[in-house]
N, C-alpha and C. Protein backbone atom coordinates (compact mmCIF):
# COMPACT_ATOMS: atom_id res chain seq x y z
N MET A 1 99.49 152.89 68.79
CA MET A 1 100.62 152.84 69.76
C MET A 1 101.76 153.34 69.22
N THR A 2 102.60 153.77 69.69
CA THR A 2 104.03 154.71 69.46
C THR A 2 105.09 153.54 69.47
N ASN A 3 105.92 153.44 68.57
CA ASN A 3 107.05 152.61 68.69
C ASN A 3 108.06 153.26 69.41
N ASN A 4 108.69 152.41 70.31
CA ASN A 4 109.63 152.94 71.05
C ASN A 4 110.93 153.51 70.42
N CYS A 5 111.34 153.08 69.08
CA CYS A 5 112.30 153.76 68.49
C CYS A 5 112.03 155.49 68.42
N PHE A 6 110.68 155.64 68.06
CA PHE A 6 110.19 157.00 68.12
C PHE A 6 110.65 157.64 69.26
N LEU A 7 110.47 157.28 70.55
CA LEU A 7 110.75 157.84 71.69
C LEU A 7 112.34 158.26 71.88
N PHE A 8 113.18 157.10 71.34
CA PHE A 8 114.60 157.34 71.32
C PHE A 8 115.02 158.38 70.31
N GLU A 9 114.21 158.67 69.20
CA GLU A 9 114.81 159.76 68.09
C GLU A 9 114.33 161.05 68.72
N LEU A 10 113.17 161.07 69.46
CA LEU A 10 112.85 162.37 70.28
C LEU A 10 114.00 162.74 71.10
N LEU A 11 114.36 161.67 72.03
CA LEU A 11 115.44 162.01 73.00
C LEU A 11 116.66 162.37 72.13
N ASP A 12 116.86 161.71 71.17
CA ASP A 12 118.21 161.97 70.38
C ASP A 12 118.22 163.26 69.79
N ALA A 13 117.17 163.49 69.18
CA ALA A 13 116.90 164.89 68.57
C ALA A 13 117.30 165.94 69.54
N LYS A 14 117.28 165.77 70.91
CA LYS A 14 117.69 166.87 71.82
C LYS A 14 119.04 166.85 72.34
N THR A 15 119.75 165.76 71.95
CA THR A 15 121.11 165.41 72.45
C THR A 15 122.09 165.98 71.37
N PRO A 16 123.03 166.61 71.77
CA PRO A 16 124.18 167.21 70.93
C PRO A 16 125.04 166.06 70.16
N THR A 17 125.15 166.10 68.98
CA THR A 17 125.84 165.05 67.92
C THR A 17 126.92 164.49 68.76
N SER A 18 127.81 165.17 69.59
CA SER A 18 128.77 164.53 70.15
C SER A 18 128.63 163.68 71.31
N ASP A 19 127.36 163.75 71.75
CA ASP A 19 126.95 162.72 72.80
C ASP A 19 126.05 161.60 72.39
N LYS A 20 125.83 161.55 71.12
CA LYS A 20 124.94 160.64 70.55
C LYS A 20 125.84 159.24 70.52
N LYS A 21 125.49 158.22 71.58
CA LYS A 21 126.25 156.97 71.68
C LYS A 21 125.34 156.08 72.46
N LEU A 22 125.91 155.00 72.72
CA LEU A 22 124.96 154.09 73.60
C LEU A 22 124.97 154.64 75.07
N LEU A 23 123.86 154.29 75.52
CA LEU A 23 123.78 154.82 76.93
C LEU A 23 124.62 153.84 77.85
N ASN A 24 125.55 154.28 78.49
CA ASN A 24 126.45 153.52 79.55
C ASN A 24 125.51 153.49 80.59
N MET A 25 125.02 152.45 81.25
CA MET A 25 124.15 152.51 82.22
C MET A 25 125.00 152.93 83.55
N ASP A 26 126.19 152.51 83.62
CA ASP A 26 126.94 152.87 84.80
C ASP A 26 127.09 154.14 85.01
N GLN A 27 127.12 155.24 83.97
CA GLN A 27 127.20 156.51 84.22
C GLN A 27 125.84 157.15 84.39
N LYS A 28 124.77 156.59 84.02
CA LYS A 28 123.24 157.09 84.10
C LYS A 28 123.29 158.54 83.65
N LYS A 29 123.61 158.78 82.20
CA LYS A 29 123.71 160.14 81.79
C LYS A 29 122.32 160.56 81.02
N TYR A 30 121.42 159.66 81.43
CA TYR A 30 119.98 160.27 80.66
C TYR A 30 119.28 161.06 81.86
N ASP A 31 118.29 161.76 81.35
CA ASP A 31 117.34 162.67 81.97
C ASP A 31 116.16 161.72 82.47
N ASP A 32 115.87 161.44 83.61
CA ASP A 32 114.60 160.40 84.11
C ASP A 32 113.67 161.20 83.67
N SER A 33 113.43 162.54 84.19
CA SER A 33 112.22 163.45 84.08
C SER A 33 111.64 163.58 82.61
N ASN A 34 112.79 163.86 81.80
CA ASN A 34 112.47 164.13 80.29
C ASN A 34 111.79 162.73 79.55
N PHE A 35 112.58 161.67 79.85
CA PHE A 35 112.15 160.34 79.49
C PHE A 35 110.91 160.00 80.03
N ARG A 36 110.59 160.17 81.22
CA ARG A 36 109.29 159.92 81.92
C ARG A 36 108.16 160.68 81.16
N LYS A 37 108.58 161.95 80.91
CA LYS A 37 107.44 162.74 80.05
C LYS A 37 107.08 162.47 78.76
N LEU A 38 108.03 161.88 78.10
CA LEU A 38 108.01 161.38 76.73
C LEU A 38 107.31 160.12 76.80
N LEU A 39 107.54 159.34 77.70
CA LEU A 39 106.83 157.98 77.74
C LEU A 39 105.14 158.21 78.08
N THR A 40 104.95 159.16 79.01
CA THR A 40 103.76 159.45 79.52
C THR A 40 103.04 160.08 78.20
N GLU A 41 103.61 160.96 77.41
CA GLU A 41 102.88 161.76 76.24
C GLU A 41 103.04 160.77 74.85
N GLU A 42 103.71 159.98 74.78
CA GLU A 42 103.79 159.26 73.46
C GLU A 42 103.28 157.97 73.37
N ILE A 43 103.06 157.31 74.44
CA ILE A 43 102.76 155.93 74.63
C ILE A 43 101.43 155.69 75.53
N THR A 44 100.63 155.01 74.80
CA THR A 44 99.28 154.51 75.63
C THR A 44 99.57 153.48 76.21
N TRP A 45 99.28 153.30 77.77
CA TRP A 45 99.53 152.39 78.63
C TRP A 45 98.29 151.65 78.91
N PRO A 46 98.41 150.28 79.13
CA PRO A 46 99.56 149.46 78.96
C PRO A 46 100.07 149.26 77.61
N HIS A 47 101.30 148.77 77.42
CA HIS A 47 101.99 148.82 76.15
C HIS A 47 103.03 147.67 76.19
N VAL A 48 103.20 147.00 74.96
CA VAL A 48 104.24 146.29 74.99
C VAL A 48 105.50 146.91 74.61
N TYR A 49 106.41 146.79 75.47
CA TYR A 49 107.52 147.90 75.48
C TYR A 49 108.62 147.17 75.00
N MET A 50 109.65 147.67 74.45
CA MET A 50 110.85 146.75 73.93
C MET A 50 111.95 147.45 74.64
N PHE A 51 112.80 146.71 75.37
CA PHE A 51 114.07 147.01 75.89
C PHE A 51 115.07 146.43 75.10
N LYS A 52 116.35 147.04 75.16
CA LYS A 52 117.53 146.50 74.38
C LYS A 52 118.54 147.01 75.27
N PHE A 53 119.38 145.95 75.57
CA PHE A 53 120.67 145.88 76.39
C PHE A 53 121.86 145.17 75.81
N ILE A 54 122.92 145.87 75.85
CA ILE A 54 124.33 145.06 75.14
C ILE A 54 125.17 145.05 76.46
N VAL A 55 125.47 143.75 76.63
CA VAL A 55 126.29 143.36 77.68
C VAL A 55 127.65 142.38 77.18
N PRO A 56 128.68 142.47 77.95
CA PRO A 56 129.78 141.41 77.60
C PRO A 56 129.21 140.09 77.71
N THR A 57 129.86 139.09 76.92
CA THR A 57 129.29 137.81 77.04
C THR A 57 129.96 137.07 77.89
N ASN A 58 130.82 137.48 78.74
CA ASN A 58 131.20 136.81 80.03
C ASN A 58 130.44 137.15 81.26
N ASP A 59 130.74 136.40 82.33
CA ASP A 59 130.29 136.65 83.64
C ASP A 59 128.89 136.48 83.80
N ASP A 60 128.22 135.81 82.91
CA ASP A 60 126.77 135.49 83.00
C ASP A 60 126.11 136.81 83.03
N LYS A 61 126.44 137.93 82.10
CA LYS A 61 125.65 138.99 82.17
C LYS A 61 124.22 139.07 81.48
N GLU A 62 124.08 137.99 80.56
CA GLU A 62 122.70 137.77 79.96
C GLU A 62 121.78 137.24 81.12
N GLY A 63 122.39 136.42 81.81
CA GLY A 63 121.35 135.76 82.95
C GLY A 63 120.92 136.85 84.07
N GLN A 64 121.97 137.80 84.43
CA GLN A 64 121.46 139.00 85.19
C GLN A 64 120.56 139.76 84.63
N VAL A 65 120.39 140.06 83.53
CA VAL A 65 119.51 140.93 82.62
C VAL A 65 118.15 140.12 82.67
N LEU A 66 118.21 139.10 82.33
CA LEU A 66 117.02 137.99 82.30
C LEU A 66 116.27 138.00 83.62
N HIS A 67 117.10 137.84 84.54
CA HIS A 67 116.80 137.73 85.93
C HIS A 67 115.59 138.99 86.48
N LEU A 68 115.95 139.97 85.59
CA LEU A 68 115.30 141.23 86.03
C LEU A 68 113.60 141.21 85.80
N PHE A 69 113.57 140.34 84.64
CA PHE A 69 112.21 140.27 84.02
C PHE A 69 111.54 139.01 84.38
N PRO A 70 110.21 139.03 84.33
CA PRO A 70 109.43 137.82 84.59
C PRO A 70 109.46 136.59 83.44
N LYS A 71 109.22 135.72 84.03
CA LYS A 71 109.46 134.57 83.06
C LYS A 71 108.45 134.46 82.07
N GLY A 72 108.64 134.03 80.70
CA GLY A 72 107.89 134.18 79.60
C GLY A 72 107.99 135.29 78.83
N VAL A 73 108.72 136.21 78.94
CA VAL A 73 108.99 137.55 78.17
C VAL A 73 109.40 137.15 76.67
N ASP A 74 109.35 137.69 75.67
CA ASP A 74 109.71 137.63 74.49
C ASP A 74 111.17 138.16 74.32
N VAL A 75 112.07 137.19 74.33
CA VAL A 75 113.49 137.54 74.20
C VAL A 75 114.41 137.19 72.96
N SER A 76 114.98 137.93 72.67
CA SER A 76 115.91 137.71 71.15
C SER A 76 117.34 138.22 71.58
N TYR A 77 118.26 137.43 70.99
CA TYR A 77 119.84 137.73 71.27
C TYR A 77 120.64 137.87 69.81
N LYS A 78 121.47 138.74 69.98
CA LYS A 78 122.43 139.01 68.71
C LYS A 78 123.52 139.09 69.13
N LYS A 79 124.54 138.29 68.78
CA LYS A 79 126.09 138.36 69.22
C LYS A 79 126.81 139.28 68.33
N SER A 80 127.69 140.17 68.91
CA SER A 80 128.59 141.11 67.95
C SER A 80 129.39 140.09 67.09
N ARG A 81 129.80 140.83 66.22
CA ARG A 81 130.64 140.15 64.97
C ARG A 81 131.87 139.36 65.87
N THR A 82 132.46 140.10 66.82
CA THR A 82 133.60 139.60 67.57
C THR A 82 133.41 138.46 68.53
N GLY A 83 132.01 138.58 69.04
CA GLY A 83 131.68 137.57 69.78
C GLY A 83 131.67 138.08 71.40
N LYS A 84 132.37 139.24 71.37
CA LYS A 84 132.68 139.74 72.79
C LYS A 84 131.48 140.47 73.55
N TYR A 85 130.28 140.76 72.66
CA TYR A 85 129.09 141.29 73.39
C TYR A 85 127.99 140.65 72.71
N VAL A 86 126.70 140.86 73.47
CA VAL A 86 125.68 140.17 73.00
C VAL A 86 124.57 141.42 73.06
N SER A 87 123.75 141.46 72.31
CA SER A 87 122.53 142.38 72.39
C SER A 87 121.26 141.50 72.59
N ILE A 88 120.71 142.03 73.80
CA ILE A 88 119.43 141.40 74.30
C ILE A 88 118.34 142.21 74.05
N THR A 89 117.15 141.75 73.46
CA THR A 89 116.10 142.47 73.28
C THR A 89 114.77 141.65 73.99
N ILE A 90 114.29 142.66 74.66
CA ILE A 90 113.21 142.05 75.70
C ILE A 90 112.01 142.81 75.34
N LYS A 91 110.76 142.07 74.78
CA LYS A 91 109.63 142.68 74.66
C LYS A 91 108.61 142.10 75.81
N THR A 92 108.02 142.97 76.64
CA THR A 92 106.98 142.44 77.57
C THR A 92 106.12 143.59 77.83
N LEU A 93 104.79 143.29 78.24
CA LEU A 93 103.84 144.26 78.54
C LEU A 93 104.10 145.03 79.99
N ILE A 94 104.03 146.25 79.62
CA ILE A 94 104.59 147.21 80.78
C ILE A 94 103.27 147.99 80.91
N GLN A 95 102.94 148.38 82.23
CA GLN A 95 101.73 148.95 82.82
C GLN A 95 101.84 150.70 82.69
N SER A 96 103.20 151.14 82.75
CA SER A 96 103.16 152.58 83.15
C SER A 96 104.64 152.88 82.88
N PRO A 97 104.81 154.12 82.56
CA PRO A 97 106.22 154.68 82.61
C PRO A 97 107.14 154.43 83.87
N ASP A 98 106.67 154.45 84.87
CA ASP A 98 107.39 154.31 86.11
C ASP A 98 107.84 152.93 86.14
N GLU A 99 107.14 151.68 85.59
CA GLU A 99 107.63 150.43 85.43
C GLU A 99 108.83 150.60 84.67
N VAL A 100 108.57 151.03 83.37
CA VAL A 100 109.79 151.31 82.56
C VAL A 100 111.12 151.63 83.20
N LEU A 101 110.87 152.76 84.08
CA LEU A 101 112.08 153.46 84.59
C LEU A 101 112.50 152.42 85.83
N LYS A 102 111.74 151.77 86.50
CA LYS A 102 112.18 150.82 87.37
C LYS A 102 113.04 149.56 86.75
N TYR A 103 112.63 149.19 85.65
CA TYR A 103 113.64 148.35 84.98
C TYR A 103 114.93 148.70 84.57
N TYR A 104 114.88 149.95 84.03
CA TYR A 104 116.31 150.59 83.68
C TYR A 104 116.87 150.88 84.89
N GLU A 105 116.54 151.26 86.03
CA GLU A 105 117.23 151.54 87.39
C GLU A 105 117.71 150.13 87.76
N GLN A 106 117.01 149.08 87.66
CA GLN A 106 117.67 147.80 88.04
C GLN A 106 118.84 147.22 87.16
N ALA A 107 118.65 147.44 85.92
CA ALA A 107 119.71 147.21 84.92
C ALA A 107 120.81 147.76 85.05
N ALA A 108 120.73 149.20 85.42
CA ALA A 108 121.81 149.90 85.87
C ALA A 108 122.85 149.48 86.75
N LYS A 109 122.36 148.47 87.65
CA LYS A 109 123.31 147.97 88.62
C LYS A 109 123.97 146.85 88.12
N ILE A 110 123.77 146.40 86.83
CA ILE A 110 124.57 145.45 86.26
C ILE A 110 125.95 145.96 85.58
N GLU A 111 127.14 145.61 86.13
CA GLU A 111 128.28 146.22 85.70
C GLU A 111 128.47 146.03 84.18
N GLY A 112 128.86 147.11 83.45
CA GLY A 112 129.18 146.97 82.06
C GLY A 112 127.92 146.94 81.13
N ILE A 113 126.74 147.21 81.63
CA ILE A 113 125.74 147.05 80.67
C ILE A 113 125.41 148.30 79.89
N MET A 114 124.92 148.35 78.76
CA MET A 114 124.61 149.55 78.03
C MET A 114 123.23 149.32 77.53
N SER A 115 122.53 150.37 77.36
CA SER A 115 121.25 150.46 77.06
C SER A 115 121.00 151.18 75.82
N LEU A 116 120.09 150.91 74.92
CA LEU A 116 119.86 151.79 73.58
C LEU A 116 118.59 152.26 73.71
C-alpha cells in the first residue's frame, strides 16, 4: 500500500515552487482529475486513508470536520503554537478514490478550512 504522503509528493512535484502551500479549500485550487488519477494508480483500494485538515480553533470548526466522518474513526489533534489553529488528522477505511474526493468536497464547504 502507498502512503498518502507519497501522493502529495507526486502532486507537489508538479506544482510550481511559488504555489507550494496549504490548500485553502475555499479557493479549491487543486485539480480533481489529476488527484483522482493518482489515487487510482498509486493506492490499492480499499485503503486506510489519512485526511489532514487545519481549522481555526473558534466556531466549532473541529466539530464540523468530525461530523463529516463516521463515528469511531481514528482522530488526532495538534494545536498550533499560538493556539489559533488546530490540525485534525483522521484515518479511516476508504473504499475508492471517489469516496476520498467526496470527503474533500464536503470539507470544502467549511469556511476557513485548509487541507494538507
